Amino acid sequence: MAVPKKRTGHSAQGKRRANWKATKPETTVCSNCGQPVLAHTVCTACGYYKGEPVRLKDKAEAVKEVKKPAKKAKKEAPAEEAPAEPPADVQLLTEIRDLLKEKQQTQKE
C-alpha cells in the first residue's frame, strides 16, 4: 500500500486545490407557479415538474379534477306548454282518415 514519505505542505496543497472552482447553479422558472427553480428538479413552492404534479396526493387531486363531470342544470317545466306537434307520418295518417270520412259522407248523400 502506498504511503506518503513526507507530509504535504500548505503551499502545495493550496496549489492543487486552486483548479477547483464553484460554479453558479443553473436556474429556470417553474411552468406552474413562476418561481425560480434549479434545473431538472421539482419546484419546492408547488411540487410540480415539467407541468405535472409529482406528489401522489397532488396527482390524485389532478385526476379528480379531470374526471369530475360538470353538473347538469335541472330543466324547469314551463307552467303552460303548447301541445307538441305529432310526427309527420301521424299527421299524414290523420289527414287521410279525415278525407276518407268526408268521401264516405258524400257517397251516402
PDB file of N, CA and C in Angstrom:
ATOM      1  N   MET A   1       0.840  -1.176   0.000  1.00  0.00           N
ATOM      2  CA  MET A   1       0.000   0.000   0.000  1.00  0.00           C
ATOM      3  C   MET A   1       0.890   1.245   0.000  1.00  0.00           C
ATOM      4  N   ALA A   2       0.530   2.206  -0.824  1.00  0.00           N
ATOM      5  CA  ALA A   2       1.345   3.416  -0.937  1.00  0.00           C
ATOM      6  C   ALA A   2       1.119   4.325   0.256  1.00  0.00           C
ATOM      7  N   VAL A   3       2.217   4.794   0.806  1.00  0.00           N
ATOM      8  CA  VAL A   3       2.158   5.701   1.943  1.00  0.00           C
ATOM      9  C   VAL A   3       3.061   6.881   1.622  1.00  0.00           C
ATOM     10  N   PRO A   4       2.579   8.141   1.826  1.00  0.00           N
ATOM     11  CA  PRO A   4       3.439   9.281   1.529  1.00  0.00           C
ATOM     12  C   PRO A   4       4.649   9.319   2.461  1.00  0.00           C
ATOM     13  N   LYS A   5       5.808   9.663   1.904  1.00  0.00           N
ATOM     14  CA  LYS A   5       7.047   9.706   2.682  1.00  0.00           C
ATOM     15  C   LYS A   5       7.079  10.956   3.555  1.00  0.00           C
ATOM     16  N   LYS A   6       6.557  12.074   3.021  1.00  0.00           N
ATOM     17  CA  LYS A   6       6.565  13.337   3.761  1.00  0.00           C
ATOM     18  C   LYS A   6       5.158  13.938   3.756  1.00  0.00           C
ATOM     19  N   ARG A   7       4.909  14.773   4.725  1.00  0.00           N
ATOM     20  CA  ARG A   7       3.621  15.467   4.808  1.00  0.00           C
ATOM     21  C   ARG A   7       3.558  16.536   3.719  1.00  0.00           C
ATOM     22  N   THR A   8       2.334  16.724   3.073  1.00  0.00           N
ATOM     23  CA  THR A   8       2.159  17.745   2.046  1.00  0.00           C
ATOM     24  C   THR A   8       2.071  19.103   2.727  1.00  0.00           C
ATOM     25  N   GLY A   9       2.859  20.054   2.230  1.00  0.00           N
ATOM     26  CA  GLY A   9       2.860  21.390   2.817  1.00  0.00           C
ATOM     27  C   GLY A   9       1.636  22.202   2.395  1.00  0.00           C
ATOM     28  N   HIS A  10       1.434  23.324   3.115  1.00  0.00           N
ATOM     29  CA  HIS A  10       0.275  24.186   2.850  1.00  0.00           C
ATOM     30  C   HIS A  10       0.319  24.784   1.446  1.00  0.00           C
ATOM     31  N   SER A  11       1.458  25.132   0.989  1.00  0.00           N
ATOM     32  CA  SER A  11       1.615  25.749  -0.325  1.00  0.00           C
ATOM     33  C   SER A  11       1.259  24.756  -1.429  1.00  0.00           C
ATOM     34  N   ALA A  12       1.756  23.541  -1.366  1.00  0.00           N
ATOM     35  CA  ALA A  12       1.478  22.515  -2.375  1.00  0.00           C
ATOM     36  C   ALA A  12      -0.011  22.135  -2.351  1.00  0.00           C
ATOM     37  N   GLN A  13      -0.539  22.075  -1.150  1.00  0.00           N
ATOM     38  CA  GLN A  13      -1.967  21.737  -1.000  1.00  0.00           C
ATOM     39  C   GLN A  13      -2.830  22.827  -1.640  1.00  0.00           C
ATOM     40  N   GLY A  14      -2.490  24.073  -1.415  1.00  0.00           N
ATOM     41  CA  GLY A  14      -3.235  25.193  -1.980  1.00  0.00           C
ATOM     42  C   GLY A  14      -3.137  25.236  -3.490  1.00  0.00           C
ATOM     43  N   LYS A  15      -1.940  24.937  -4.028  1.00  0.00           N
ATOM     44  CA  LYS A  15      -1.769  24.926  -5.486  1.00  0.00           C
ATOM     45  C   LYS A  15      -2.617  23.823  -6.129  1.00  0.00           C
ATOM     46  N   ARG A  16      -2.704  22.683  -5.471  1.00  0.00           N
ATOM     47  CA  ARG A  16      -3.502  21.574  -6.008  1.00  0.00           C
ATOM     48  C   ARG A  16      -4.994  21.934  -6.010  1.00  0.00           C
ATOM     49  N   ARG A  17      -5.424  22.597  -4.972  1.00  0.00           N
ATOM     50  CA  ARG A  17      -6.846  22.945  -4.837  1.00  0.00           C
ATOM     51  C   ARG A  17      -7.227  24.198  -5.637  1.00  0.00           C
ATOM     52  N   ALA A  18      -6.276  24.890  -6.213  1.00  0.00           N
ATOM     53  CA  ALA A  18      -6.559  26.136  -6.917  1.00  0.00           C
ATOM     54  C   ALA A  18      -7.390  25.916  -8.179  1.00  0.00           C
ATOM     55  N   ASN A  19      -7.326  24.723  -8.767  1.00  0.00           N
ATOM     56  CA  ASN A  19      -8.063  24.459 -10.007  1.00  0.00           C
ATOM     57  C   ASN A  19      -9.549  24.153  -9.778  1.00  0.00           C
ATOM     58  N   TRP A  20      -9.930  23.863  -8.544  1.00  0.00           N
ATOM     59  CA  TRP A  20     -11.336  23.561  -8.253  1.00  0.00           C
ATOM     60  C   TRP A  20     -12.081  24.869  -8.018  1.00  0.00           C
ATOM     61  N   LYS A  21     -13.138  25.096  -8.823  1.00  0.00           N
ATOM     62  CA  LYS A  21     -13.896  26.335  -8.689  1.00  0.00           C
ATOM     63  C   LYS A  21     -15.382  26.022  -8.573  1.00  0.00           C
ATOM     64  N   ALA A  22     -16.053  26.735  -7.724  1.00  0.00           N
ATOM     65  CA  ALA A  22     -17.506  26.593  -7.588  1.00  0.00           C
ATOM     66  C   ALA A  22     -18.184  27.303  -8.756  1.00  0.00           C
ATOM     67  N   THR A  23     -19.252  26.703  -9.290  1.00  0.00           N
ATOM     68  CA  THR A  23     -19.991  27.331 -10.384  1.00  0.00           C
ATOM     69  C   THR A  23     -21.378  27.732  -9.906  1.00  0.00           C
ATOM     70  N   LYS A  24     -21.910  28.709 -10.557  1.00  0.00           N
ATOM     71  CA  LYS A  24     -23.251  29.177 -10.225  1.00  0.00           C
ATOM     72  C   LYS A  24     -24.263  28.137 -10.713  1.00  0.00           C
ATOM     73  N   PRO A  25     -25.241  27.746  -9.886  1.00  0.00           N
ATOM     74  CA  PRO A  25     -26.209  26.737 -10.330  1.00  0.00           C
ATOM     75  C   PRO A  25     -27.140  27.288 -11.416  1.00  0.00           C
ATOM     76  N   GLU A  26     -27.513  26.435 -12.361  1.00  0.00           N
ATOM     77  CA  GLU A  26     -28.437  26.820 -13.426  1.00  0.00           C
ATOM     78  C   GLU A  26     -29.851  26.849 -12.864  1.00  0.00           C
ATOM     79  N   THR A  27     -30.546  27.932 -13.093  1.00  0.00           N
ATOM     80  CA  THR A  27     -31.926  28.039 -12.621  1.00  0.00           C
ATOM     81  C   THR A  27     -32.852  28.283 -13.796  1.00  0.00           C
ATOM     82  N   THR A  28     -34.084  27.811 -13.632  1.00  0.00           N
ATOM     83  CA  THR A  28     -35.134  28.051 -14.614  1.00  0.00           C
ATOM     84  C   THR A  28     -36.347  28.577 -13.870  1.00  0.00           C
ATOM     85  N   VAL A  29     -37.427  28.797 -14.582  1.00  0.00           N
ATOM     86  CA  VAL A  29     -38.660  29.287 -13.981  1.00  0.00           C
ATOM     87  C   VAL A  29     -39.691  28.158 -14.021  1.00  0.00           C
ATOM     88  N   CYS A  30     -40.383  27.948 -12.913  1.00  0.00           N
ATOM     89  CA  CYS A  30     -41.413  26.906 -12.833  1.00  0.00           C
ATOM     90  C   CYS A  30     -42.553  27.246 -13.786  1.00  0.00           C
ATOM     91  N   SER A  31     -42.965  26.248 -14.581  1.00  0.00           N
ATOM     92  CA  SER A  31     -44.039  26.486 -15.554  1.00  0.00           C
ATOM     93  C   SER A  31     -45.396  26.586 -14.887  1.00  0.00           C
ATOM     94  N   ASN A  32     -45.516  26.122 -13.638  1.00  0.00           N
ATOM     95  CA  ASN A  32     -46.803  26.142 -12.950  1.00  0.00           C
ATOM     96  C   ASN A  32     -46.995  27.418 -12.131  1.00  0.00           C
ATOM     97  N   CYS A  33     -45.974  27.775 -11.302  1.00  0.00           N
ATOM     98  CA  CYS A  33     -46.159  28.918 -10.401  1.00  0.00           C
ATOM     99  C   CYS A  33     -45.247  30.099 -10.710  1.00  0.00           C
ATOM    100  N   GLY A  34     -44.203  29.914 -11.538  1.00  0.00           N
ATOM    101  CA  GLY A  34     -43.343  31.024 -11.931  1.00  0.00           C
ATOM    102  C   GLY A  34     -42.177  31.287 -10.996  1.00  0.00           C
ATOM    103  N   GLN A  35     -41.979  30.465  -9.978  1.00  0.00           N
ATOM    104  CA  GLN A  35     -40.858  30.627  -9.048  1.00  0.00           C
ATOM    105  C   GLN A  35     -39.561  30.140  -9.680  1.00  0.00           C
ATOM    106  N   PRO A  36     -38.402  30.724  -9.306  1.00  0.00           N
ATOM    107  CA  PRO A  36     -37.133  30.203  -9.818  1.00  0.00           C
ATOM    108  C   PRO A  36     -36.852  28.817  -9.223  1.00  0.00           C
ATOM    109  N   VAL A  37     -36.400  27.895 -10.073  1.00  0.00           N
ATOM    110  CA  VAL A  37     -36.187  26.505  -9.667  1.00  0.00           C
ATOM    111  C   VAL A  37     -34.858  26.040 -10.243  1.00  0.00           C
ATOM    112  N   LEU A  38     -34.134  25.179  -9.517  1.00  0.00           N
ATOM    113  CA  LEU A  38     -32.934  24.559 -10.060  1.00  0.00           C
ATOM    114  C   LEU A  38     -33.339  23.710 -11.255  1.00  0.00           C
ATOM    115  N   ALA A  39     -32.493  23.660 -12.274  1.00  0.00           N
ATOM    116  CA  ALA A  39     -32.810  22.906 -13.486  1.00  0.00           C
ATOM    117  C   ALA A  39     -32.949  21.422 -13.166  1.00  0.00           C
ATOM    118  N   HIS A  40     -33.919  20.762 -13.786  1.00  0.00           N
ATOM    119  CA  HIS A  40     -34.174  19.325 -13.660  1.00  0.00           C
ATOM    120  C   HIS A  40     -34.513  18.905 -12.239  1.00  0.00           C
ATOM    121  N   THR A  41     -35.179  19.770 -11.496  1.00  0.00           N
ATOM    122  CA  THR A  41     -35.617  19.417 -10.145  1.00  0.00           C
ATOM    123  C   THR A  41     -37.066  19.830  -9.950  1.00  0.00           C
ATOM    124  N   VAL A  42     -37.697  19.257  -8.948  1.00  0.00           N
ATOM    125  CA  VAL A  42     -39.089  19.565  -8.629  1.00  0.00           C
ATOM    126  C   VAL A  42     -39.163  20.939  -7.974  1.00  0.00           C
ATOM    127  N   CYS A  43     -40.182  21.693  -8.300  1.00  0.00           N
ATOM    128  CA  CYS A  43     -40.373  23.025  -7.715  1.00  0.00           C
ATOM    129  C   CYS A  43     -40.683  22.867  -6.229  1.00  0.00           C
ATOM    130  N   THR A  44     -39.947  23.584  -5.387  1.00  0.00           N
ATOM    131  CA  THR A  44     -40.177  23.484  -3.947  1.00  0.00           C
ATOM    132  C   THR A  44     -41.413  24.261  -3.515  1.00  0.00           C
ATOM    133  N   ALA A  45     -41.860  25.192  -4.339  1.00  0.00           N
ATOM    134  CA  ALA A  45     -43.019  26.016  -3.980  1.00  0.00           C
ATOM    135  C   ALA A  45     -44.337  25.280  -4.226  1.00  0.00           C
ATOM    136  N   CYS A  46     -44.452  24.615  -5.393  1.00  0.00           N
ATOM    137  CA  CYS A  46     -45.743  23.995  -5.739  1.00  0.00           C
ATOM    138  C   CYS A  46     -45.674  22.484  -5.909  1.00  0.00           C
ATOM    139  N   GLY A  47     -44.491  21.901  -6.045  1.00  0.00           N
ATOM    140  CA  GLY A  47     -44.375  20.445  -6.173  1.00  0.00           C
ATOM    141  C   GLY A  47     -44.592  19.928  -7.581  1.00  0.00           C
ATOM    142  N   TYR A  48     -44.442  20.775  -8.597  1.00  0.00           N
ATOM    143  CA  TYR A  48     -44.642  20.356  -9.985  1.00  0.00           C
ATOM    144  C   TYR A  48     -43.296  20.200 -10.687  1.00  0.00           C
ATOM    145  N   TYR A  49     -43.241  19.288 -11.671  1.00  0.00           N
ATOM    146  CA  TYR A  49     -42.058  19.116 -12.513  1.00  0.00           C
ATOM    147  C   TYR A  49     -42.533  18.910 -13.934  1.00  0.00           C
ATOM    148  N   LYS A  50     -42.091  19.756 -14.850  1.00  0.00           N
ATOM    149  CA  LYS A  50     -42.499  19.738 -16.258  1.00  0.00           C
ATOM    150  C   LYS A  50     -44.014  19.824 -16.408  1.00  0.00           C
ATOM    151  N   GLY A  51     -44.657  20.640 -15.588  1.00  0.00           N
ATOM    152  CA  GLY A  51     -46.087  20.884 -15.712  1.00  0.00           C
ATOM    153  C   GLY A  51     -46.979  19.822 -15.108  1.00  0.00           C
ATOM    154  N   GLU A  52     -46.416  18.807 -14.428  1.00  0.00           N
ATOM    155  CA  GLU A  52     -47.225  17.749 -13.826  1.00  0.00           C
ATOM    156  C   GLU A  52     -46.912  17.650 -12.346  1.00  0.00           C
ATOM    157  N   PRO A  53     -47.917  17.335 -11.499  1.00  0.00           N
ATOM    158  CA  PRO A  53     -47.649  17.191 -10.069  1.00  0.00           C
ATOM    159  C   PRO A  53     -46.800  15.944  -9.815  1.00  0.00           C
ATOM    160  N   VAL A  54     -45.908  16.038  -8.837  1.00  0.00           N
ATOM    161  CA  VAL A  54     -45.008  14.929  -8.535  1.00  0.00           C
ATOM    162  C   VAL A  54     -45.509  14.134  -7.337  1.00  0.00           C
ATOM    163  N   ARG A  55     -46.068  14.810  -6.353  1.00  0.00           N
ATOM    164  CA  ARG A  55     -46.558  14.103  -5.172  1.00  0.00           C
ATOM    165  C   ARG A  55     -47.805  13.310  -5.524  1.00  0.00           C
ATOM    166  N   LEU A  56     -47.970  12.134  -4.911  1.00  0.00           N
ATOM    167  CA  LEU A  56     -49.122  11.278  -5.187  1.00  0.00           C
ATOM    168  C   LEU A  56     -50.427  11.973  -4.811  1.00  0.00           C
ATOM    169  N   LYS A  57     -50.399  12.737  -3.736  1.00  0.00           N
ATOM    170  CA  LYS A  57     -51.600  13.450  -3.289  1.00  0.00           C
ATOM    171  C   LYS A  57     -52.044  14.459  -4.352  1.00  0.00           C
ATOM    172  N   ASP A  58     -51.074  15.193  -4.913  1.00  0.00           N
ATOM    173  CA  ASP A  58     -51.396  16.173  -5.951  1.00  0.00           C
ATOM    174  C   ASP A  58     -51.879  15.489  -7.218  1.00  0.00           C
ATOM    175  N   LYS A  59     -51.282  14.338  -7.565  1.00  0.00           N
ATOM    176  CA  LYS A  59     -51.711  13.608  -8.759  1.00  0.00           C
ATOM    177  C   LYS A  59     -53.152  13.149  -8.615  1.00  0.00           C
ATOM    178  N   ALA A  60     -53.525  12.657  -7.421  1.00  0.00           N
ATOM    179  CA  ALA A  60     -54.889  12.203  -7.188  1.00  0.00           C
ATOM    180  C   ALA A  60     -55.876  13.361  -7.336  1.00  0.00           C
ATOM    181  N   GLU A  61     -55.505  14.536  -6.835  1.00  0.00           N
ATOM    182  CA  GLU A  61     -56.379  15.704  -6.954  1.00  0.00           C
ATOM    183  C   GLU A  61     -56.525  16.129  -8.409  1.00  0.00           C
ATOM    184  N   ALA A  62     -55.425  16.058  -9.159  1.00  0.00           N
ATOM    185  CA  ALA A  62     -55.471  16.433 -10.571  1.00  0.00           C
ATOM    186  C   ALA A  62     -56.356  15.477 -11.351  1.00  0.00           C
ATOM    187  N   VAL A  63     -56.313  14.194 -11.033  1.00  0.00           N
ATOM    188  CA  VAL A  63     -57.150  13.202 -11.713  1.00  0.00           C
ATOM    189  C   VAL A  63     -58.614  13.432 -11.368  1.00  0.00           C
ATOM    190  N   LYS A  64     -58.905  13.761 -10.105  1.00  0.00           N
ATOM    191  CA  LYS A  64     -60.285  14.026  -9.703  1.00  0.00           C
ATOM    192  C   LYS A  64     -60.844  15.224 -10.457  1.00  0.00           C
ATOM    193  N   GLU A  65     -60.007  16.268 -10.633  1.00  0.00           N
ATOM    194  CA  GLU A  65     -60.457  17.457 -11.351  1.00  0.00           C
ATOM    195  C   GLU A  65     -60.785  17.123 -12.795  1.00  0.00           C
ATOM    196  N   VAL A  66     -59.986  16.244 -13.412  1.00  0.00           N
ATOM    197  CA  VAL A  66     -60.201  15.898 -14.812  1.00  0.00           C
ATOM    198  C   VAL A  66     -61.441  15.027 -14.955  1.00  0.00           C
ATOM    199  N   LYS A  67     -61.617  14.047 -14.071  1.00  0.00           N
ATOM    200  CA  LYS A  67     -62.729  13.110 -14.187  1.00  0.00           C
ATOM    201  C   LYS A  67     -64.055  13.684 -13.728  1.00  0.00           C
ATOM    202  N   LYS A  68     -64.038  14.750 -12.959  1.00  0.00           N
ATOM    203  CA  LYS A  68     -65.256  15.304 -12.391  1.00  0.00           C
ATOM    204  C   LYS A  68     -66.121  15.918 -13.488  1.00  0.00           C
ATOM    205  N   PRO A  69     -67.288  15.317 -13.794  1.00  0.00           N
ATOM    206  CA  PRO A  69     -68.138  15.891 -14.845  1.00  0.00           C
ATOM    207  C   PRO A  69     -68.884  17.115 -14.322  1.00  0.00           C
ATOM    208  N   ALA A  70     -69.239  17.966 -15.231  1.00  0.00           N
ATOM    209  CA  ALA A  70     -69.977  19.164 -14.864  1.00  0.00           C
ATOM    210  C   ALA A  70     -71.404  18.779 -14.492  1.00  0.00           C
ATOM    211  N   LYS A  71     -71.917  19.446 -13.479  1.00  0.00           N
ATOM    212  CA  LYS A  71     -73.285  19.164 -13.057  1.00  0.00           C
ATOM    213  C   LYS A  71     -74.259  19.729 -14.080  1.00  0.00           C
ATOM    214  N   LYS A  72     -75.253  18.938 -14.414  1.00  0.00           N
ATOM    215  CA  LYS A  72     -76.242  19.377 -15.380  1.00  0.00           C
ATOM    216  C   LYS A  72     -77.336  20.157 -14.662  1.00  0.00           C
ATOM    217  N   ALA A  73     -77.761  21.222 -15.266  1.00  0.00           N
ATOM    218  CA  ALA A  73     -78.817  22.036 -14.691  1.00  0.00           C
ATOM    219  C   ALA A  73     -80.151  21.327 -14.891  1.00  0.00           C
ATOM    220  N   LYS A  74     -80.964  21.381 -13.851  1.00  0.00           N
ATOM    221  CA  LYS A  74     -82.287  20.757 -13.947  1.00  0.00           C
ATOM    222  C   LYS A  74     -83.177  21.616 -14.830  1.00  0.00           C
ATOM    223  N   LYS A  75     -83.903  20.947 -15.702  1.00  0.00           N
ATOM    224  CA  LYS A  75     -84.804  21.669 -16.590  1.00  0.00           C
ATOM    225  C   LYS A  75     -86.099  21.970 -15.839  1.00  0.00           C
ATOM    226  N   GLU A  76     -86.468  23.228 -15.849  1.00  0.00           N
ATOM    227  CA  GLU A  76     -87.718  23.626 -15.221  1.00  0.00           C
ATOM    228  C   GLU A  76     -88.817  23.586 -16.267  1.00  0.00           C
ATOM    229  N   ALA A  77     -89.906  22.891 -15.949  1.00  0.00           N
ATOM    230  CA  ALA A  77     -91.018  22.783 -16.881  1.00  0.00           C
ATOM    231  C   ALA A  77     -91.813  24.081 -16.848  1.00  0.00           C
ATOM    232  N   PRO A  78     -92.098  24.667 -17.995  1.00  0.00           N
ATOM    233  CA  PRO A  78     -92.929  25.876 -18.009  1.00  0.00           C
ATOM    234  C   PRO A  78     -94.337  25.548 -17.517  1.00  0.00           C
ATOM    235  N   ALA A  79     -95.024  26.547 -16.980  1.00  0.00           N
ATOM    236  CA  ALA A  79     -96.352  26.341 -16.413  1.00  0.00           C
ATOM    237  C   ALA A  79     -97.328  25.854 -17.492  1.00  0.00           C
ATOM    238  N   GLU A  80     -97.344  26.502 -18.653  1.00  0.00           N
ATOM    239  CA  GLU A  80     -98.242  26.092 -19.729  1.00  0.00           C
ATOM    240  C   GLU A  80     -97.415  25.784 -20.966  1.00  0.00           C
ATOM    241  N   GLU A  81     -97.503  24.545 -21.379  1.00  0.00           N
ATOM    242  CA  GLU A  81     -96.777  24.157 -22.576  1.00  0.00           C
ATOM    243  C   GLU A  81     -97.753  24.008 -23.727  1.00  0.00           C
ATOM    244  N   ALA A  82     -97.345  24.460 -24.891  1.00  0.00           N
ATOM    245  CA  ALA A  82     -98.155  24.268 -26.085  1.00  0.00           C
ATOM    246  C   ALA A  82     -98.042  22.798 -26.474  1.00  0.00           C
ATOM    247  N   PRO A  83     -99.149  22.197 -26.941  1.00  0.00           N
ATOM    248  CA  PRO A  83     -99.068  20.789 -27.313  1.00  0.00           C
ATOM    249  C   PRO A  83     -98.070  20.606 -28.458  1.00  0.00           C
ATOM    250  N   ALA A  84     -97.243  19.613 -28.313  1.00  0.00           N
ATOM    251  CA  ALA A  84     -96.218  19.352 -29.321  1.00  0.00           C
ATOM    252  C   ALA A  84     -96.874  18.761 -30.563  1.00  0.00           C
ATOM    253  N   GLU A  85     -96.360  19.102 -31.735  1.00  0.00           N
ATOM    254  CA  GLU A  85     -96.917  18.575 -32.978  1.00  0.00           C
ATOM    255  C   GLU A  85     -96.546  17.114 -33.126  1.00  0.00           C
ATOM    256  N   PRO A  86     -97.507  16.302 -33.558  1.00  0.00           N
ATOM    257  CA  PRO A  86     -97.187  14.896 -33.768  1.00  0.00           C
ATOM    258  C   PRO A  86     -96.257  14.750 -34.967  1.00  0.00           C
ATOM    259  N   PRO A  87     -95.591  13.627 -35.088  1.00  0.00           N
ATOM    260  CA  PRO A  87     -94.684  13.412 -36.222  1.00  0.00           C
ATOM    261  C   PRO A  87     -95.434  13.518 -37.556  1.00  0.00           C
ATOM    262  N   ALA A  88     -94.677  13.720 -38.612  1.00  0.00           N
ATOM    263  CA  ALA A  88     -95.248  13.953 -39.941  1.00  0.00           C
ATOM    264  C   ALA A  88     -96.078  12.764 -40.417  1.00  0.00           C
ATOM    265  N   ASP A  89     -95.627  11.544 -40.155  1.00  0.00           N
ATOM    266  CA  ASP A  89     -96.392  10.376 -40.626  1.00  0.00           C
ATOM    267  C   ASP A  89     -97.724  10.253 -39.911  1.00  0.00           C
ATOM    268  N   VAL A  90     -97.785  10.653 -38.642  1.00  0.00           N
ATOM    269  CA  VAL A  90     -99.054  10.616 -37.904  1.00  0.00           C
ATOM    270  C   VAL A  90     -99.992  11.674 -38.470  1.00  0.00           C
ATOM    271  N   GLN A  91     -99.469  12.853 -38.775  1.00  0.00           N
ATOM    272  CA  GLN A  91    -100.300  13.897 -39.371  1.00  0.00           C
ATOM    273  C   GLN A  91    -100.862  13.441 -40.712  1.00  0.00           C
ATOM    274  N   LEU A  92    -100.039  12.797 -41.510  1.00  0.00           N
ATOM    275  CA  LEU A  92    -100.470  12.318 -42.811  1.00  0.00           C
ATOM    276  C   LEU A  92    -101.598  11.296 -42.670  1.00  0.00           C
ATOM    277  N   LEU A  93    -101.453  10.380 -41.719  1.00  0.00           N
ATOM    278  CA  LEU A  93    -102.493   9.365 -41.499  1.00  0.00           C
ATOM    279  C   LEU A  93    -103.810   9.994 -41.045  1.00  0.00           C
ATOM    280  N   THR A  94    -103.717  10.999 -40.181  1.00  0.00           N
ATOM    281  CA  THR A  94    -104.954  11.656 -39.729  1.00  0.00           C
ATOM    282  C   THR A  94    -105.628  12.398 -40.882  1.00  0.00           C
ATOM    283  N   GLU A  95    -104.845  13.010 -41.771  1.00  0.00           N
ATOM    284  CA  GLU A  95    -105.428  13.688 -42.930  1.00  0.00           C
ATOM    285  C   GLU A  95    -106.115  12.685 -43.859  1.00  0.00           C
ATOM    286  N   ILE A  96    -105.483  11.549 -44.079  1.00  0.00           N
ATOM    287  CA  ILE A  96    -106.085  10.517 -44.938  1.00  0.00           C
ATOM    288  C   ILE A  96    -107.377  10.019 -44.315  1.00  0.00           C
ATOM    289  N   ARG A  97    -107.388   9.797 -43.001  1.00  0.00           N
ATOM    290  CA  ARG A  97    -108.600   9.335 -42.323  1.00  0.00           C
ATOM    291  C   ARG A  97    -109.723  10.354 -42.482  1.00  0.00           C
ATOM    292  N   ASP A  98    -109.399  11.644 -42.299  1.00  0.00           N
ATOM    293  CA  ASP A  98    -110.413  12.689 -42.447  1.00  0.00           C
ATOM    294  C   ASP A  98    -110.959  12.727 -43.877  1.00  0.00           C
ATOM    295  N   LEU A  99    -110.079  12.598 -44.889  1.00  0.00           N
ATOM    296  CA  LEU A  99    -110.520  12.595 -46.287  1.00  0.00           C
ATOM    297  C   LEU A  99    -111.436  11.404 -46.579  1.00  0.00           C
ATOM    298  N   LEU A 100    -111.079  10.235 -46.019  1.00  0.00           N
ATOM    299  CA  LEU A 100    -111.933   9.046 -46.231  1.00  0.00           C
ATOM    300  C   LEU A 100    -113.303   9.242 -45.601  1.00  0.00           C
ATOM    301  N   LYS A 101    -113.343   9.829 -44.420  1.00  0.00           N
ATOM    302  CA  LYS A 101    -114.633  10.077 -43.765  1.00  0.00           C
ATOM    303  C   LYS A 101    -115.487  11.022 -44.609  1.00  0.00           C
ATOM    304  N   GLU A 102    -114.871  12.080 -45.151  1.00  0.00           N
ATOM    305  CA  GLU A 102    -115.605  13.030 -45.995  1.00  0.00           C
ATOM    306  C   GLU A 102    -116.114  12.331 -47.243  1.00  0.00           C
ATOM    307  N   LYS A 103    -115.312  11.450 -47.836  1.00  0.00           N
ATOM    308  CA  LYS A 103    -115.695  10.745 -49.050  1.00  0.00           C
ATOM    309  C   LYS A 103    -116.891   9.810 -48.790  1.00  0.00           C
ATOM    310  N   GLN A 104    -116.835   9.140 -47.621  1.00  0.00           N
ATOM    311  CA  GLN A 104    -117.941   8.243 -47.254  1.00  0.00           C
ATOM    312  C   GLN A 104    -119.228   9.036 -47.033  1.00  0.00           C
ATOM    313  N   GLN A 105    -119.104  10.203 -46.404  1.00  0.00           N
ATOM    314  CA  GLN A 105    -120.303  11.004 -46.179  1.00  0.00           C
ATOM    315  C   GLN A 105    -120.890  11.526 -47.480  1.00  0.00           C
ATOM    316  N   THR A 106    -120.030  11.878 -48.455  1.00  0.00           N
ATOM    317  CA  THR A 106    -120.545  12.354 -49.733  1.00  0.00           C
ATOM    318  C   THR A 106    -121.183  11.219 -50.513  1.00  0.00           C
ATOM    319  N   GLN A 107    -120.703   9.990 -50.377  1.00  0.00           N
ATOM    320  CA  GLN A 107    -121.295   8.857 -51.071  1.00  0.00           C
ATOM    321  C   GLN A 107    -122.657   8.515 -50.504  1.00  0.00           C
ATOM    322  N   LYS A 108    -122.843   8.661 -49.195  1.00  0.00           N
ATOM    323  CA  LYS A 108    -124.129   8.353 -48.565  1.00  0.00           C
ATOM    324  C   LYS A 108    -125.181   9.358 -48.996  1.00  0.00           C
ATOM    325  N   GLU A 109    -124.823  10.551 -49.273  1.00  0.00           N
ATOM    326  CA  GLU A 109    -125.795  11.569 -49.636  1.00  0.00           C
ATOM    327  C   GLU A 109    -126.147  11.477 -51.045  1.00  0.00           C
TER     328      GLU A 109
END
